[in-house]
Amino acid sequence: MRNTLEIGHDVNNGGGRYWAEVPGGSAELTYRHGKKGVIIIDHTFVPPESRGHDIAQQLVERAAADAREYGLKIIPECPYVAALFKRRRDLSDLEAA
């Protein structure tokens, strides 16, 4: 069973950032706004000391939950997020065409 992260969310005019304090520093997922109703997830990072504990996946799951809540679609530009979207059918409804 994995530990649930306390995930913060910062928003700015061009996009935003989900983050969590973990051993080694901050883990983060960043996104920018695309066309109306679309966010582009462009980056994830987890400090080396905290890799292998599903931290990036939990950040993606939080972004996906928020996207569903607000009726947004996602373009998974980050290679990690794109690979996760291919593996997880439960995220396929969120992928922008």
PDB file of N, CA and C in Angstrom:
ATOM      1  N   MET A   1       0.851  -1.184   0.000  1.00  0.00           N
ATOM      2  CA  MET A   1       0.000   0.000   0.000  1.00  0.00           C
ATOM      3  C   MET A   1       0.891   1.239   0.000  1.00  0.00           C
ATOM      4  N   ARG A   2       0.614   2.174  -0.864  1.00  0.00           N
ATOM      5  CA  ARG A   2       1.434   3.375  -0.943  1.00  0.00           C
ATOM      6  C   ARG A   2       0.908   4.464  -0.019  1.00  0.00           C
ATOM      7  N   ASN A   3       1.825   5.313   0.395  1.00  0.00           N
ATOM      8  CA  ASN A   3       1.434   6.462   1.196  1.00  0.00           C
ATOM      9  C   ASN A   3       0.765   7.492   0.312  1.00  0.00           C
ATOM     10  N   THR A   4      -0.278   8.119   0.819  1.00  0.00           N
ATOM     11  CA  THR A   4      -0.939   9.175   0.071  1.00  0.00           C
ATOM     12  C   THR A   4      -0.189  10.480   0.306  1.00  0.00           C
ATOM     13  N   LEU A   5       0.121  11.142  -0.777  1.00  0.00           N
ATOM     14  CA  LEU A   5       0.850  12.405  -0.703  1.00  0.00           C
ATOM     15  C   LEU A   5      -0.067  13.565  -0.380  1.00  0.00           C
ATOM     16  N   GLU A   6       0.472  14.543   0.287  1.00  0.00           N
ATOM     17  CA  GLU A   6      -0.209  15.826   0.419  1.00  0.00           C
ATOM     18  C   GLU A   6       0.252  16.649  -0.786  1.00  0.00           C
ATOM     19  N   ILE A   7      -0.662  16.879  -1.712  1.00  0.00           N
ATOM     20  CA  ILE A   7      -0.315  17.518  -2.983  1.00  0.00           C
ATOM     21  C   ILE A   7      -0.849  18.941  -3.010  1.00  0.00           C
ATOM     22  N   GLY A   8       0.039  19.875  -3.301  1.00  0.00           N
ATOM     23  CA  GLY A   8      -0.349  21.267  -3.470  1.00  0.00           C
ATOM     24  C   GLY A   8      -0.618  21.566  -4.935  1.00  0.00           C
ATOM     25  N   HIS A   9      -1.305  22.671  -5.191  1.00  0.00           N
ATOM     26  CA  HIS A   9      -1.616  23.074  -6.568  1.00  0.00           C
ATOM     27  C   HIS A   9      -1.485  24.582  -6.662  1.00  0.00           C
ATOM     28  N   ASP A  10      -0.581  25.033  -7.494  1.00  0.00           N
ATOM     29  CA  ASP A  10      -0.392  26.455  -7.762  1.00  0.00           C
ATOM     30  C   ASP A  10      -0.848  26.736  -9.183  1.00  0.00           C
ATOM     31  N   VAL A  11      -1.541  27.845  -9.375  1.00  0.00           N
ATOM     32  CA  VAL A  11      -2.041  28.235 -10.692  1.00  0.00           C
ATOM     33  C   VAL A  11      -1.469  29.594 -11.052  1.00  0.00           C
ATOM     34  N   ASN A  12      -1.096  29.749 -12.333  1.00  0.00           N
ATOM     35  CA  ASN A  12      -0.707  31.067 -12.826  1.00  0.00           C
ATOM     36  C   ASN A  12      -1.450  31.328 -14.125  1.00  0.00           C
ATOM     37  N   ASN A  13      -1.219  32.450 -14.744  1.00  0.00           N
ATOM     38  CA  ASN A  13      -1.973  32.810 -15.949  1.00  0.00           C
ATOM     39  C   ASN A  13      -1.800  31.824 -17.094  1.00  0.00           C
ATOM     40  N   GLY A  14      -0.604  31.246 -17.223  1.00  0.00           N
ATOM     41  CA  GLY A  14      -0.355  30.362 -18.352  1.00  0.00           C
ATOM     42  C   GLY A  14      -0.516  28.888 -18.069  1.00  0.00           C
ATOM     43  N   GLY A  15      -0.698  28.513 -16.799  1.00  0.00           N
ATOM     44  CA  GLY A  15      -0.792  27.091 -16.470  1.00  0.00           C
ATOM     45  C   GLY A  15      -0.774  26.861 -14.983  1.00  0.00           C
ATOM     46  N   GLY A  16      -0.018  25.845 -14.566  1.00  0.00           N
ATOM     47  CA  GLY A  16       0.022  25.551 -13.145  1.00  0.00           C
ATOM     48  C   GLY A  16       0.990  24.445 -12.813  1.00  0.00           C
ATOM     49  N   ARG A  17       0.971  24.079 -11.544  1.00  0.00           N
ATOM     50  CA  ARG A  17       1.922  23.116 -11.010  1.00  0.00           C
ATOM     51  C   ARG A  17       1.286  22.364  -9.848  1.00  0.00           C
ATOM     52  N   TYR A  18       1.368  21.041  -9.901  1.00  0.00           N
ATOM     53  CA  TYR A  18       1.038  20.192  -8.760  1.00  0.00           C
ATOM     54  C   TYR A  18       2.369  19.807  -8.141  1.00  0.00           C
ATOM     55  N   TRP A  19       2.441  19.804  -6.818  1.00  0.00           N
ATOM     56  CA  TRP A  19       3.714  19.529  -6.175  1.00  0.00           C
ATOM     57  C   TRP A  19       3.499  18.847  -4.827  1.00  0.00           C
ATOM     58  N   ALA A  20       4.559  18.194  -4.375  1.00  0.00           N
ATOM     59  CA  ALA A  20       4.559  17.546  -3.062  1.00  0.00           C
ATOM     60  C   ALA A  20       5.986  17.560  -2.529  1.00  0.00           C
ATOM     61  N   GLU A  21       6.106  17.806  -1.249  1.00  0.00           N
ATOM     62  CA  GLU A  21       7.414  17.722  -0.601  1.00  0.00           C
ATOM     63  C   GLU A  21       7.683  16.253  -0.279  1.00  0.00           C
ATOM     64  N   VAL A  22       8.811  15.757  -0.749  1.00  0.00           N
ATOM     65  CA  VAL A  22       9.186  14.364  -0.572  1.00  0.00           C
ATOM     66  C   VAL A  22      10.663  14.319  -0.175  1.00  0.00           C
ATOM     67  N   PRO A  23      11.143  13.178   0.299  1.00  0.00           N
ATOM     68  CA  PRO A  23      12.565  13.087   0.595  1.00  0.00           C
ATOM     69  C   PRO A  23      13.398  13.481  -0.634  1.00  0.00           C
ATOM     70  N   GLY A  24      14.308  14.409  -0.439  1.00  0.00           N
ATOM     71  CA  GLY A  24      15.140  14.881  -1.545  1.00  0.00           C
ATOM     72  C   GLY A  24      14.686  16.199  -2.129  1.00  0.00           C
ATOM     73  N   GLY A  25      13.502  16.695  -1.750  1.00  0.00           N
ATOM     74  CA  GLY A  25      13.028  17.982  -2.269  1.00  0.00           C
ATOM     75  C   GLY A  25      11.585  17.938  -2.717  1.00  0.00           C
ATOM     76  N   SER A  26      11.296  18.688  -3.760  1.00  0.00           N
ATOM     77  CA  SER A  26       9.927  18.779  -4.282  1.00  0.00           C
ATOM     78  C   SER A  26       9.760  17.912  -5.527  1.00  0.00           C
ATOM     79  N   ALA A  27       8.672  17.161  -5.546  1.00  0.00           N
ATOM     80  CA  ALA A  27       8.239  16.472  -6.761  1.00  0.00           C
ATOM     81  C   ALA A  27       7.225  17.386  -7.421  1.00  0.00           C
ATOM     82  N   GLU A  28       7.174  17.396  -8.755  1.00  0.00           N
ATOM     83  CA  GLU A  28       6.230  18.290  -9.407  1.00  0.00           C
ATOM     84  C   GLU A  28       5.748  17.765 -10.744  1.00  0.00           C
ATOM     85  N   LEU A  29       4.595  18.255 -11.116  1.00  0.00           N
ATOM     86  CA  LEU A  29       4.003  18.067 -12.436  1.00  0.00           C
ATOM     87  C   LEU A  29       3.599  19.464 -12.881  1.00  0.00           C
ATOM     88  N   THR A  30       4.033  19.869 -14.064  1.00  0.00           N
ATOM     89  CA  THR A  30       3.661  21.191 -14.551  1.00  0.00           C
ATOM     90  C   THR A  30       2.809  21.058 -15.808  1.00  0.00           C
ATOM     91  N   TYR A  31       1.967  22.053 -15.999  1.00  0.00           N
ATOM     92  CA  TYR A  31       1.110  22.076 -17.187  1.00  0.00           C
ATOM     93  C   TYR A  31       0.924  23.514 -17.644  1.00  0.00           C
ATOM     94  N   ARG A  32       0.514  23.620 -18.894  1.00  0.00           N
ATOM     95  CA  ARG A  32       0.155  24.928 -19.440  1.00  0.00           C
ATOM     96  C   ARG A  32      -1.207  24.789 -20.109  1.00  0.00           C
ATOM     97  N   HIS A  33      -1.871  25.908 -20.262  1.00  0.00           N
ATOM     98  CA  HIS A  33      -3.181  25.895 -20.910  1.00  0.00           C
ATOM     99  C   HIS A  33      -3.007  25.836 -22.415  1.00  0.00           C
ATOM    100  N   GLY A  34      -3.793  24.985 -23.048  1.00  0.00           N
ATOM    101  CA  GLY A  34      -3.834  24.903 -24.500  1.00  0.00           C
ATOM    102  C   GLY A  34      -5.085  25.609 -24.976  1.00  0.00           C
ATOM    103  N   LYS A  35      -5.664  25.085 -26.046  1.00  0.00           N
ATOM    104  CA  LYS A  35      -6.928  25.662 -26.505  1.00  0.00           C
ATOM    105  C   LYS A  35      -7.966  25.512 -25.405  1.00  0.00           C
ATOM    106  N   LYS A  36      -9.059  26.189 -25.552  1.00  0.00           N
ATOM    107  CA  LYS A  36     -10.089  26.206 -24.505  1.00  0.00           C
ATOM    108  C   LYS A  36     -10.451  24.790 -24.065  1.00  0.00           C
ATOM    109  N   GLY A  37     -10.406  24.574 -22.757  1.00  0.00           N
ATOM    110  CA  GLY A  37     -10.794  23.290 -22.191  1.00  0.00           C
ATOM    111  C   GLY A  37      -9.711  22.227 -22.219  1.00  0.00           C
ATOM    112  N   VAL A  38      -8.468  22.615 -22.524  1.00  0.00           N
ATOM    113  CA  VAL A  38      -7.374  21.646 -22.626  1.00  0.00           C
ATOM    114  C   VAL A  38      -6.180  22.122 -21.809  1.00  0.00           C
ATOM    115  N   ILE A  39      -5.591  21.196 -21.063  1.00  0.00           N
ATOM    116  CA  ILE A  39      -4.302  21.474 -20.435  1.00  0.00           C
ATOM    117  C   ILE A  39      -3.261  20.542 -21.037  1.00  0.00           C
ATOM    118  N   ILE A  40      -2.037  21.025 -21.107  1.00  0.00           N
ATOM    119  CA  ILE A  40      -0.931  20.264 -21.664  1.00  0.00           C
ATOM    120  C   ILE A  40       0.038  19.967 -20.522  1.00  0.00           C
ATOM    121  N   ILE A  41       0.113  18.713 -20.125  1.00  0.00           N
ATOM    122  CA  ILE A  41       1.059  18.331 -19.073  1.00  0.00           C
ATOM    123  C   ILE A  41       2.413  18.160 -19.748  1.00  0.00           C
ATOM    124  N   ASP A  42       3.344  19.044 -19.375  1.00  0.00           N
ATOM    125  CA  ASP A  42       4.612  19.090 -20.094  1.00  0.00           C
ATOM    126  C   ASP A  42       5.828  18.622 -19.298  1.00  0.00           C
ATOM    127  N   HIS A  43       5.655  18.328 -17.996  1.00  0.00           N
ATOM    128  CA  HIS A  43       6.840  17.984 -17.212  1.00  0.00           C
ATOM    129  C   HIS A  43       6.438  17.301 -15.909  1.00  0.00           C
ATOM    130  N   THR A  44       7.185  16.268 -15.546  1.00  0.00           N
ATOM    131  CA  THR A  44       7.101  15.696 -14.205  1.00  0.00           C
ATOM    132  C   THR A  44       8.521  15.519 -13.698  1.00  0.00           C
ATOM    133  N   PHE A  45       8.685  15.650 -12.397  1.00  0.00           N
ATOM    134  CA  PHE A  45       9.993  15.447 -11.784  1.00  0.00           C
ATOM    135  C   PHE A  45       9.807  14.896 -10.379  1.00  0.00           C
ATOM    136  N   VAL A  46      10.602  13.890 -10.053  1.00  0.00           N
ATOM    137  CA  VAL A  46      10.662  13.341  -8.700  1.00  0.00           C
ATOM    138  C   VAL A  46      12.147  13.253  -8.343  1.00  0.00           C
ATOM    139  N   PRO A  47      12.542  13.794  -7.179  1.00  0.00           N
ATOM    140  CA  PRO A  47      13.947  13.693  -6.784  1.00  0.00           C
ATOM    141  C   PRO A  47      14.407  12.233  -6.767  1.00  0.00           C
ATOM    142  N   PRO A  48      15.677  11.993  -7.113  1.00  0.00           N
ATOM    143  CA  PRO A  48      16.175  10.614  -7.176  1.00  0.00           C
ATOM    144  C   PRO A  48      15.918   9.808  -5.904  1.00  0.00           C
ATOM    145  N   GLU A  49      16.013  10.439  -4.739  1.00  0.00           N
ATOM    146  CA  GLU A  49      15.824   9.734  -3.472  1.00  0.00           C
ATOM    147  C   GLU A  49      14.405   9.196  -3.304  1.00  0.00           C
ATOM    148  N   SER A  50      13.461   9.734  -4.051  1.00  0.00           N
ATOM    149  CA  SER A  50      12.051   9.354  -3.881  1.00  0.00           C
ATOM    150  C   SER A  50      11.473   8.612  -5.078  1.00  0.00           C
ATOM    151  N   ARG A  51      12.274   8.292  -6.046  1.00  0.00           N
ATOM    152  CA  ARG A  51      11.764   7.581  -7.222  1.00  0.00           C
ATOM    153  C   ARG A  51      11.406   6.144  -6.881  1.00  0.00           C
ATOM    154  N   GLY A  52      10.471   5.588  -7.637  1.00  0.00           N
ATOM    155  CA  GLY A  52      10.055   4.209  -7.421  1.00  0.00           C
ATOM    156  C   GLY A  52       8.964   4.047  -6.376  1.00  0.00           C
ATOM    157  N   HIS A  53       8.335   5.142  -5.982  1.00  0.00           N
ATOM    158  CA  HIS A  53       7.284   5.083  -4.960  1.00  0.00           C
ATOM    159  C   HIS A  53       5.955   5.637  -5.467  1.00  0.00           C
ATOM    160  N   ASP A  54       5.740   5.625  -6.777  1.00  0.00           N
ATOM    161  CA  ASP A  54       4.482   6.064  -7.402  1.00  0.00           C
ATOM    162  C   ASP A  54       4.159   7.540  -7.163  1.00  0.00           C
ATOM    163  N   ILE A  55       5.159   8.346  -6.886  1.00  0.00           N
ATOM    164  CA  ILE A  55       4.914   9.758  -6.606  1.00  0.00           C
ATOM    165  C   ILE A  55       4.445  10.493  -7.861  1.00  0.00           C
ATOM    166  N   ALA A  56       5.147  10.299  -8.978  1.00  0.00           N
ATOM    167  CA  ALA A  56       4.724  10.959 -10.216  1.00  0.00           C
ATOM    168  C   ALA A  56       3.320  10.492 -10.608  1.00  0.00           C
ATOM    169  N   GLN A  57       3.043   9.217 -10.422  1.00  0.00           N
ATOM    170  CA  GLN A  57       1.715   8.692 -10.746  1.00  0.00           C
ATOM    171  C   GLN A  57       0.643   9.366  -9.901  1.00  0.00           C
ATOM    172  N   GLN A  58       0.925   9.582  -8.620  1.00  0.00           N
ATOM    173  CA  GLN A  58      -0.050  10.256  -7.766  1.00  0.00           C
ATOM    174  C   GLN A  58      -0.273  11.701  -8.203  1.00  0.00           C
ATOM    175  N   LEU A  59       0.767  12.366  -8.677  1.00  0.00           N
ATOM    176  CA  LEU A  59       0.602  13.735  -9.196  1.00  0.00           C
ATOM    177  C   LEU A  59      -0.288  13.725 -10.438  1.00  0.00           C
ATOM    178  N   VAL A  60      -0.065  12.749 -11.325  1.00  0.00           N
ATOM    179  CA  VAL A  60      -0.891  12.634 -12.533  1.00  0.00           C
ATOM    180  C   VAL A  60      -2.336  12.323 -12.149  1.00  0.00           C
ATOM    181  N   GLU A  61      -2.537  11.432 -11.192  1.00  0.00           N
ATOM    182  CA  GLU A  61      -3.896  11.089 -10.769  1.00  0.00           C
ATOM    183  C   GLU A  61      -4.620  12.301 -10.199  1.00  0.00           C
ATOM    184  N   ARG A  62      -3.913  13.152  -9.463  1.00  0.00           N
ATOM    185  CA  ARG A  62      -4.533  14.374  -8.930  1.00  0.00           C
ATOM    186  C   ARG A  62      -4.901  15.318 -10.072  1.00  0.00           C
ATOM    187  N   ALA A  63      -3.989  15.502 -11.030  1.00  0.00           N
ATOM    188  CA  ALA A  63      -4.286  16.365 -12.180  1.00  0.00           C
ATOM    189  C   ALA A  63      -5.473  15.804 -12.965  1.00  0.00           C
ATOM    190  N   ALA A  64      -5.530  14.485 -13.120  1.00  0.00           N
ATOM    191  CA  ALA A  64      -6.635  13.853 -13.849  1.00  0.00           C
ATOM    192  C   ALA A  64      -7.952  14.054 -13.111  1.00  0.00           C
ATOM    193  N   ALA A  65      -7.941  13.907 -11.793  1.00  0.00           N
ATOM    194  CA  ALA A  65      -9.168  14.106 -11.012  1.00  0.00           C
ATOM    195  C   ALA A  65      -9.662  15.546 -11.148  1.00  0.00           C
ATOM    196  N   ASP A  66      -8.737  16.501 -11.095  1.00  0.00           N
ATOM    197  CA  ASP A  66      -9.133  17.903 -11.257  1.00  0.00           C
ATOM    198  C   ASP A  66      -9.646  18.166 -12.667  1.00  0.00           C
ATOM    199  N   ALA A  67      -8.998  17.565 -13.665  1.00  0.00           N
ATOM    200  CA  ALA A  67      -9.453  17.740 -15.053  1.00  0.00           C
ATOM    201  C   ALA A  67     -10.885  17.225 -15.203  1.00  0.00           C
ATOM    202  N   ARG A  68     -11.169  16.076 -14.636  1.00  0.00           N
ATOM    203  CA  ARG A  68     -12.535  15.537 -14.693  1.00  0.00           C
ATOM    204  C   ARG A  68     -13.518  16.471 -14.004  1.00  0.00           C
ATOM    205  N   GLU A  69     -13.133  16.953 -12.837  1.00  0.00           N
ATOM    206  CA  GLU A  69     -14.020  17.833 -12.075  1.00  0.00           C
ATOM    207  C   GLU A  69     -14.358  19.101 -12.849  1.00  0.00           C
ATOM    208  N   TYR A  70     -13.396  19.624 -13.585  1.00  0.00           N
ATOM    209  CA  TYR A  70     -13.604  20.892 -14.295  1.00  0.00           C
ATOM    210  C   TYR A  70     -13.901  20.708 -15.781  1.00  0.00           C
ATOM    211  N   GLY A  71     -14.098  19.476 -16.217  1.00  0.00           N
ATOM    212  CA  GLY A  71     -14.461  19.212 -17.608  1.00  0.00           C
ATOM    213  C   GLY A  71     -13.352  19.511 -18.599  1.00  0.00           C
ATOM    214  N   LEU A  72     -12.107  19.263 -18.209  1.00  0.00           N
ATOM    215  CA  LEU A  72     -10.964  19.541 -19.078  1.00  0.00           C
ATOM    216  C   LEU A  72     -10.447  18.261 -19.730  1.00  0.00           C
ATOM    217  N   LYS A  73      -9.780  18.428 -20.848  1.00  0.00           N
ATOM    218  CA  LYS A  73      -9.067  17.341 -21.514  1.00  0.00           C
ATOM    219  C   LYS A  73      -7.575  17.584 -21.314  1.00  0.00           C
ATOM    220  N   ILE A  74      -6.777  16.536 -21.514  1.00  0.00           N
ATOM    221  CA  ILE A  74      -5.337  16.602 -21.280  1.00  0.00           C
ATOM    222  C   ILE A  74      -4.576  16.170 -22.521  1.00  0.00           C
ATOM    223  N   ILE A  75      -3.538  16.926 -22.845  1.00  0.00           N
ATOM    224  CA  ILE A  75      -2.548  16.486 -23.824  1.00  0.00           C
ATOM    225  C   ILE A  75      -1.324  16.059 -23.010  1.00  0.00           C
ATOM    226  N   PRO A  76      -0.991  14.770 -23.005  1.00  0.00           N
ATOM    227  CA  PRO A  76       0.135  14.284 -22.204  1.00  0.00           C
ATOM    228  C   PRO A  76       1.457  14.429 -22.963  1.00  0.00           C
ATOM    229  N   GLU A  77       2.012  15.617 -22.960  1.00  0.00           N
ATOM    230  CA  GLU A  77       3.249  15.909 -23.690  1.00  0.00           C
ATOM    231  C   GLU A  77       4.481  15.322 -23.000  1.00  0.00           C
ATOM    232  N   CYS A  78       4.470  15.282 -21.691  1.00  0.00           N
ATOM    233  CA  CYS A  78       5.571  14.701 -20.915  1.00  0.00           C
ATOM    234  C   CYS A  78       5.651  13.205 -21.237  1.00  0.00           C
ATOM    235  N   PRO A  79       6.844  12.684 -21.549  1.00  0.00           N
ATOM    236  CA  PRO A  79       6.955  11.256 -21.891  1.00  0.00           C
ATOM    237  C   PRO A  79       6.433  10.319 -20.806  1.00  0.00           C
ATOM    238  N   TYR A  80       6.661  10.630 -19.541  1.00  0.00           N
ATOM    239  CA  TYR A  80       6.156   9.781 -18.460  1.00  0.00           C
ATOM    240  C   TYR A  80       4.632   9.750 -18.473  1.00  0.00           C
ATOM    241  N   VAL A  81       4.025  10.912 -18.610  1.00  0.00           N
ATOM    242  CA  VAL A  81       2.558  10.996 -18.590  1.00  0.00           C
ATOM    243  C   VAL A  81       1.977  10.314 -19.825  1.00  0.00           C
ATOM    244  N   ALA A  82       2.605  10.488 -20.972  1.00  0.00           N
ATOM    245  CA  ALA A  82       2.134   9.827 -22.199  1.00  0.00           C
ATOM    246  C   ALA A  82       2.164   8.309 -22.025  1.00  0.00           C
ATOM    247  N   ALA A  83       3.231   7.780 -21.436  1.00  0.00           N
ATOM    248  CA  ALA A  83       3.330   6.337 -21.211  1.00  0.00           C
ATOM    249  C   ALA A  83       2.271   5.865 -20.218  1.00  0.00           C
ATOM    250  N   LEU A  84       2.031   6.652 -19.184  1.00  0.00           N
ATOM    251  CA  LEU A  84       1.006   6.295 -18.202  1.00  0.00           C
ATOM    252  C   LEU A  84      -0.376   6.282 -18.846  1.00  0.00           C
ATOM    253  N   PHE A  85      -0.666   7.255 -19.692  1.00  0.00           N
ATOM    254  CA  PHE A  85      -1.953   7.293 -20.388  1.00  0.00           C
ATOM    255  C   PHE A  85      -2.132   6.061 -21.271  1.00  0.00           C
ATOM    256  N   LYS A  86      -1.055   5.564 -21.882  1.00  0.00           N
ATOM    257  CA  LYS A  86      -1.153   4.369 -22.728  1.00  0.00           C
ATOM    258  C   LYS A  86      -1.427   3.120 -21.894  1.00  0.00           C
ATOM    259  N   ARG A  87      -0.876   3.076 -20.675  1.00  0.00           N
ATOM    260  CA  ARG A  87      -1.054   1.903 -19.808  1.00  0.00           C
ATOM    261  C   ARG A  87      -2.378   1.905 -19.066  1.00  0.00           C
ATOM    262  N   ARG A  88      -2.921   3.071 -18.820  1.00  0.00           N
ATOM    263  CA  ARG A  88      -4.103   3.189 -17.955  1.00  0.00           C
ATOM    264  C   ARG A  88      -5.353   3.548 -18.758  1.00  0.00           C
ATOM    265  N   ARG A  89      -6.176   2.564 -19.015  1.00  0.00           N
ATOM    266  CA  ARG A  89      -7.413   2.802 -19.769  1.00  0.00           C
ATOM    267  C   ARG A  89      -8.341   3.774 -19.047  1.00  0.00           C
ATOM    268  N   ASP A  90      -8.250   3.830 -17.711  1.00  0.00           N
ATOM    269  CA  ASP A  90      -9.134   4.715 -16.952  1.00  0.00           C
ATOM    270  C   ASP A  90      -8.800   6.191 -17.165  1.00  0.00           C
ATOM    271  N   LEU A  91      -7.698   6.481 -17.839  1.00  0.00           N
ATOM    272  CA  LEU A  91      -7.346   7.865 -18.153  1.00  0.00           C
ATOM    273  C   LEU A  91      -7.679   8.228 -19.604  1.00  0.00           C
ATOM    274  N   SER A  92      -8.006   7.249 -20.421  1.00  0.00           N
ATOM    275  CA  SER A  92      -8.179   7.486 -21.849  1.00  0.00           C
ATOM    276  C   SER A  92      -9.271   8.490 -22.183  1.00  0.00           C
ATOM    277  N   ASP A  93     -10.296   8.591 -21.351  1.00  0.00           N
ATOM    278  CA  ASP A  93     -11.379   9.536 -21.616  1.00  0.00           C
ATOM    279  C   ASP A  93     -10.920  10.991 -21.473  1.00  0.00           C
ATOM    280  N   LEU A  94      -9.784  11.207 -20.818  1.00  0.00           N
ATOM    281  CA  LEU A  94      -9.288  12.562 -20.600  1.00  0.00           C
ATOM    282  C   LEU A  94      -8.370  13.057 -21.709  1.00  0.00           C
ATOM    283  N   GLU A  95      -7.879  12.156 -22.538  1.00  0.00           N
ATOM    284  CA  GLU A  95      -6.905  12.559 -23.555  1.00  0.00           C
ATOM    285  C   GLU A  95      -7.570  13.352 -24.662  1.00  0.00           C
ATOM    286  N   ALA A  96      -6.998  14.539 -24.919  1.00  0.00           N
ATOM    287  CA  ALA A  96      -7.524  15.416 -25.979  1.00  0.00           C
ATOM    288  C   ALA A  96      -7.230  14.786 -27.332  1.00  0.00           C
ATOM    289  N   ALA A  97      -8.172  14.907 -28.233  1.00  0.00           N
ATOM    290  CA  ALA A  97      -8.007  14.326 -29.577  1.00  0.00           C
ATOM    291  C   ALA A  97      -7.061  15.143 -30.417  1.00  0.00           C
TER     292      ALA A  97
END
